[in-house]
Amino acid sequence: MRTTTGYSSAQILLHWGVALGVVFNYFVSEGMGRALDQNLGGEAVTVGVASWHVWVGVAVLVLAVLRIVLRLTRGGPPPEPGLLGKVASAMHGLLYVLILLVPALGALAWFGAIDAVGEPHALLANVMVILAALHALGGFYHHLVLKDGILRRMLRPA
């Protein structure tokens, strides 16, 4: 993969689009278990946020795929050296997996009518949000403590 000094405008927009979609869906997930049961039972879905949750999840999946394709074709900054770099690379890799897996499981549950993936979807969504919060804290640590400009890479295109 090619290395660059920073991220493009498209990469930054996709990053924040995915982040906003994940946060939105986390906060509007209440009642989705009941909505899934209604959907699988052929009933009218009475959970008001269900369609929002489902379609934002689809958007997150599409944006994540676009983001990965762009990362593979355009590249990105090289990983940091040392243990901190290894931890950051592992965190990014795990976040990419979860950002693809969580909405894919949700889509399988909702559109594929596979009830068995509903619980793993919810559990992994919680794991993803915790890791995303740690990822954000890492960005603030770099910005406020290390003052190394890493956070600015996701705010200003290179």
C-alpha atoms as a PDB file:
ATOM      1  CA  MET A   1       0.000   0.000   0.000  1.00  0.00           C
ATOM      2  CA  ARG A   2       1.187   3.471  -0.865  1.00  0.00           C
ATOM      3  CA  THR A   3       2.087   5.825   1.979  1.00  0.00           C
ATOM      4  CA  THR A   4       1.220   9.506   2.100  1.00  0.00           C
ATOM      5  CA  THR A   5       1.707  12.310   4.594  1.00  0.00           C
ATOM      6  CA  GLY A   6      -2.003  12.555   5.360  1.00  0.00           C
ATOM      7  CA  TYR A   7      -5.506  11.777   4.182  1.00  0.00           C
ATOM      8  CA  SER A   8      -7.492  13.174   1.254  1.00  0.00           C
ATOM      9  CA  SER A   9     -10.704  15.158   1.637  1.00  0.00           C
ATOM     10  CA  ALA A  10     -12.675  12.090   0.553  1.00  0.00           C
ATOM     11  CA  GLN A  11     -10.950   9.895   3.150  1.00  0.00           C
ATOM     12  CA  ILE A  12     -11.659  12.436   5.867  1.00  0.00           C
ATOM     13  CA  LEU A  13     -15.317  12.794   4.857  1.00  0.00           C
ATOM     14  CA  LEU A  14     -15.759   9.031   4.766  1.00  0.00           C
ATOM     15  CA  HIS A  15     -14.100   8.666   8.192  1.00  0.00           C
ATOM     16  CA  TRP A  16     -16.430  11.198   9.800  1.00  0.00           C
ATOM     17  CA  GLY A  17     -19.469   9.911   7.883  1.00  0.00           C
ATOM     18  CA  VAL A  18     -18.867   6.404   9.217  1.00  0.00           C
ATOM     19  CA  ALA A  19     -18.212   7.758  12.723  1.00  0.00           C
ATOM     20  CA  LEU A  20     -21.432   9.793  12.745  1.00  0.00           C
ATOM     21  CA  GLY A  21     -23.431   6.846  11.409  1.00  0.00           C
ATOM     22  CA  VAL A  22     -22.043   4.514  14.082  1.00  0.00           C
ATOM     23  CA  VAL A  23     -22.744   7.005  16.884  1.00  0.00           C
ATOM     24  CA  PHE A  24     -26.236   7.747  15.545  1.00  0.00           C
ATOM     25  CA  ASN A  25     -27.125   4.066  15.325  1.00  0.00           C
ATOM     26  CA  TYR A  26     -25.767   3.368  18.774  1.00  0.00           C
ATOM     27  CA  PHE A  27     -28.108   5.964  20.252  1.00  0.00           C
ATOM     28  CA  VAL A  28     -31.161   4.869  18.265  1.00  0.00           C
ATOM     29  CA  SER A  29     -30.749   1.141  18.828  1.00  0.00           C
ATOM     30  CA  GLU A  30     -33.250   0.947  21.705  1.00  0.00           C
ATOM     31  CA  GLY A  31     -36.093  -1.342  20.708  1.00  0.00           C
ATOM     32  CA  MET A  32     -34.365  -2.862  17.683  1.00  0.00           C
ATOM     33  CA  GLY A  33     -34.644  -6.371  19.157  1.00  0.00           C
ATOM     34  CA  ARG A  34     -38.425  -5.947  19.293  1.00  0.00           C
ATOM     35  CA  ALA A  35     -38.407  -4.412  15.797  1.00  0.00           C
ATOM     36  CA  LEU A  36     -36.447  -7.398  14.465  1.00  0.00           C
ATOM     37  CA  ASP A  37     -38.906  -9.812  16.075  1.00  0.00           C
ATOM     38  CA  GLN A  38     -41.787  -7.910  14.458  1.00  0.00           C
ATOM     39  CA  ASN A  39     -40.018  -7.838  11.085  1.00  0.00           C
ATOM     40  CA  LEU A  40     -39.234 -11.568  11.222  1.00  0.00           C
ATOM     41  CA  GLY A  41     -42.800 -12.353  12.286  1.00  0.00           C
ATOM     42  CA  GLY A  42     -44.249 -10.489   9.322  1.00  0.00           C
ATOM     43  CA  GLU A  43     -45.846  -7.912  11.617  1.00  0.00           C
ATOM     44  CA  ALA A  44     -45.895  -4.167  11.130  1.00  0.00           C
ATOM     45  CA  VAL A  45     -42.803  -2.718  12.773  1.00  0.00           C
ATOM     46  CA  THR A  46     -43.942  -0.336  15.517  1.00  0.00           C
ATOM     47  CA  VAL A  47     -40.502   0.834  16.644  1.00  0.00           C
ATOM     48  CA  GLY A  48     -40.298   4.353  15.229  1.00  0.00           C
ATOM     49  CA  VAL A  49     -36.526   4.476  14.795  1.00  0.00           C
ATOM     50  CA  ALA A  50     -36.220   1.051  13.169  1.00  0.00           C
ATOM     51  CA  SER A  51     -36.128   2.248   9.563  1.00  0.00           C
ATOM     52  CA  TRP A  52     -33.617   4.972  10.479  1.00  0.00           C
ATOM     53  CA  HIS A  53     -31.404   2.459  12.254  1.00  0.00           C
ATOM     54  CA  VAL A  54     -31.553   0.000   9.356  1.00  0.00           C
ATOM     55  CA  TRP A  55     -30.847   2.499   6.570  1.00  0.00           C
ATOM     56  CA  VAL A  56     -28.118   4.345   8.469  1.00  0.00           C
ATOM     57  CA  GLY A  57     -26.538   0.925   9.040  1.00  0.00           C
ATOM     58  CA  VAL A  58     -26.657   0.240   5.300  1.00  0.00           C
ATOM     59  CA  ALA A  59     -25.086   3.653   4.676  1.00  0.00           C
ATOM     60  CA  VAL A  60     -22.317   2.896   7.204  1.00  0.00           C
ATOM     61  CA  LEU A  61     -21.557  -0.365   5.400  1.00  0.00           C
ATOM     62  CA  VAL A  62     -21.424   1.336   1.981  1.00  0.00           C
ATOM     63  CA  LEU A  63     -19.282   4.212   3.294  1.00  0.00           C
ATOM     64  CA  ALA A  64     -16.945   1.759   5.025  1.00  0.00           C
ATOM     65  CA  VAL A  65     -16.442  -0.228   1.824  1.00  0.00           C
ATOM     66  CA  LEU A  66     -15.744   3.003  -0.084  1.00  0.00           C
ATOM     67  CA  ARG A  67     -13.340   4.060   2.642  1.00  0.00           C
ATOM     68  CA  ILE A  68     -11.405   0.798   2.460  1.00  0.00           C
ATOM     69  CA  VAL A  69     -11.247   0.907  -1.345  1.00  0.00           C
ATOM     70  CA  LEU A  70      -9.953   4.478  -1.181  1.00  0.00           C
ATOM     71  CA  ARG A  71      -7.407   3.553   1.488  1.00  0.00           C
ATOM     72  CA  LEU A  72      -6.155   0.648  -0.621  1.00  0.00           C
ATOM     73  CA  THR A  73      -5.890   2.768  -3.768  1.00  0.00           C
ATOM     74  CA  ARG A  74      -4.699   6.098  -2.346  1.00  0.00           C
ATOM     75  CA  GLY A  75      -2.836   4.840   0.702  1.00  0.00           C
ATOM     76  CA  GLY A  76      -2.338   6.629   3.972  1.00  0.00           C
ATOM     77  CA  PRO A  77       0.296   7.787   6.408  1.00  0.00           C
ATOM     78  CA  PRO A  78       2.791   5.159   7.540  1.00  0.00           C
ATOM     79  CA  PRO A  79       2.240   3.611  10.969  1.00  0.00           C
ATOM     80  CA  GLU A  80       4.020   5.122  13.929  1.00  0.00           C
ATOM     81  CA  PRO A  81       7.155   3.340  15.061  1.00  0.00           C
ATOM     82  CA  GLY A  82       7.325   1.302  18.251  1.00  0.00           C
ATOM     83  CA  LEU A  83       4.713  -0.155  20.549  1.00  0.00           C
ATOM     84  CA  LEU A  84       2.321   2.791  20.174  1.00  0.00           C
ATOM     85  CA  GLY A  85       2.330   2.278  16.415  1.00  0.00           C
ATOM     86  CA  LYS A  86       1.649  -1.438  16.761  1.00  0.00           C
ATOM     87  CA  VAL A  87      -1.254  -0.771  19.130  1.00  0.00           C
ATOM     88  CA  ALA A  88      -2.663   1.891  16.784  1.00  0.00           C
ATOM     89  CA  SER A  89      -2.374  -0.415  13.755  1.00  0.00           C
ATOM     90  CA  ALA A  90      -4.089  -3.257  15.615  1.00  0.00           C
ATOM     91  CA  MET A  91      -6.851  -0.883  16.774  1.00  0.00           C
ATOM     92  CA  HIS A  92      -7.401   0.412  13.238  1.00  0.00           C
ATOM     93  CA  GLY A  93      -7.498  -3.120  11.844  1.00  0.00           C
ATOM     94  CA  LEU A  94     -10.017  -4.262  14.433  1.00  0.00           C
ATOM     95  CA  LEU A  95     -12.153  -1.173  13.880  1.00  0.00           C
ATOM     96  CA  TYR A  96     -12.193  -1.792  10.114  1.00  0.00           C
ATOM     97  CA  VAL A  97     -13.299  -5.400  10.696  1.00  0.00           C
ATOM     98  CA  LEU A  98     -16.054  -4.313  13.082  1.00  0.00           C
ATOM     99  CA  ILE A  99     -17.184  -1.423  10.875  1.00  0.00           C
ATOM    100  CA  LEU A 100     -17.798  -3.989   8.138  1.00  0.00           C
ATOM    101  CA  LEU A 101     -18.994  -6.882  10.288  1.00  0.00           C
ATOM    102  CA  VAL A 102     -21.504  -5.092  12.528  1.00  0.00           C
ATOM    103  CA  PRO A 103     -23.668  -3.591   9.749  1.00  0.00           C
ATOM    104  CA  ALA A 104     -23.286  -6.767   7.652  1.00  0.00           C
ATOM    105  CA  LEU A 105     -24.675  -8.825  10.547  1.00  0.00           C
ATOM    106  CA  GLY A 106     -27.454  -6.285  11.016  1.00  0.00           C
ATOM    107  CA  ALA A 107     -28.323  -6.513   7.320  1.00  0.00           C
ATOM    108  CA  LEU A 108     -28.324 -10.319   7.485  1.00  0.00           C
ATOM    109  CA  ALA A 109     -30.661 -10.186  10.474  1.00  0.00           C
ATOM    110  CA  TRP A 110     -33.023  -7.618   8.962  1.00  0.00           C
ATOM    111  CA  PHE A 111     -33.029  -8.320   5.217  1.00  0.00           C
ATOM    112  CA  GLY A 112     -31.935 -11.966   5.346  1.00  0.00           C
ATOM    113  CA  ALA A 113     -34.341 -12.812   8.179  1.00  0.00           C
ATOM    114  CA  ILE A 114     -31.582 -14.562  10.143  1.00  0.00           C
ATOM    115  CA  ASP A 115     -32.565 -14.103  13.774  1.00  0.00           C
ATOM    116  CA  ALA A 116     -29.421 -15.849  15.066  1.00  0.00           C
ATOM    117  CA  VAL A 117     -27.149 -12.950  14.036  1.00  0.00           C
ATOM    118  CA  GLY A 118     -29.168 -10.291  15.878  1.00  0.00           C
ATOM    119  CA  GLU A 119     -27.466 -10.879  19.224  1.00  0.00           C
ATOM    120  CA  PRO A 120     -23.909 -11.000  17.800  1.00  0.00           C
ATOM    121  CA  HIS A 121     -24.726  -7.791  15.905  1.00  0.00           C
ATOM    122  CA  ALA A 122     -25.716  -6.047  19.148  1.00  0.00           C
ATOM    123  CA  LEU A 123     -22.764  -7.423  21.129  1.00  0.00           C
ATOM    124  CA  LEU A 124     -20.186  -6.498  18.474  1.00  0.00           C
ATOM    125  CA  ALA A 125     -21.783  -3.049  18.096  1.00  0.00           C
ATOM    126  CA  ASN A 126     -21.062  -2.442  21.776  1.00  0.00           C
ATOM    127  CA  VAL A 127     -17.475  -3.649  21.340  1.00  0.00           C
ATOM    128  CA  MET A 128     -17.100  -1.388  18.292  1.00  0.00           C
ATOM    129  CA  VAL A 129     -18.348   1.678  20.164  1.00  0.00           C
ATOM    130  CA  ILE A 130     -15.971   0.995  23.058  1.00  0.00           C
ATOM    131  CA  LEU A 131     -13.033   0.608  20.668  1.00  0.00           C
ATOM    132  CA  ALA A 132     -14.093   3.731  18.766  1.00  0.00           C
ATOM    133  CA  ALA A 133     -14.151   5.677  22.032  1.00  0.00           C
ATOM    134  CA  LEU A 134     -10.641   4.400  22.838  1.00  0.00           C
ATOM    135  CA  HIS A 135      -9.596   5.381  19.311  1.00  0.00           C
ATOM    136  CA  ALA A 136     -10.931   8.904  19.888  1.00  0.00           C
ATOM    137  CA  LEU A 137      -9.183   9.107  23.252  1.00  0.00           C
ATOM    138  CA  GLY A 138      -5.967   8.082  21.515  1.00  0.00           C
ATOM    139  CA  GLY A 139      -6.428  10.936  19.059  1.00  0.00           C
ATOM    140  CA  PHE A 140      -6.901  13.397  21.910  1.00  0.00           C
ATOM    141  CA  TYR A 141      -3.859  11.956  23.701  1.00  0.00           C
ATOM    142  CA  HIS A 142      -1.764  12.580  20.592  1.00  0.00           C
ATOM    143  CA  HIS A 143      -3.167  16.079  20.231  1.00  0.00           C
ATOM    144  CA  LEU A 144      -3.089  17.248  23.848  1.00  0.00           C
ATOM    145  CA  VAL A 145      -0.190  15.301  25.379  1.00  0.00           C
ATOM    146  CA  LEU A 146       2.175  14.312  22.579  1.00  0.00           C
ATOM    147  CA  LYS A 147       1.314  17.358  20.424  1.00  0.00           C
ATOM    148  CA  ASP A 148       2.457  15.436  17.351  1.00  0.00           C
ATOM    149  CA  GLY A 149      -0.195  16.574  14.848  1.00  0.00           C
ATOM    150  CA  ILE A 150      -1.676  13.113  14.272  1.00  0.00           C
ATOM    151  CA  LEU A 151      -5.218  14.267  15.046  1.00  0.00           C
ATOM    152  CA  ARG A 152      -4.931  17.083  12.497  1.00  0.00           C
ATOM    153  CA  ARG A 153      -4.440  14.481   9.750  1.00  0.00           C
ATOM    154  CA  MET A 154      -8.130  13.553  10.110  1.00  0.00           C
ATOM    155  CA  LEU A 155      -9.230  17.192  10.166  1.00  0.00           C
ATOM    156  CA  ARG A 156      -7.224  18.732   7.310  1.00  0.00           C
ATOM    157  CA  PRO A 157      -6.608  17.099   3.928  1.00  0.00           C
ATOM    158  CA  ALA A 158      -3.040  16.557   2.769  1.00  0.00           C
END
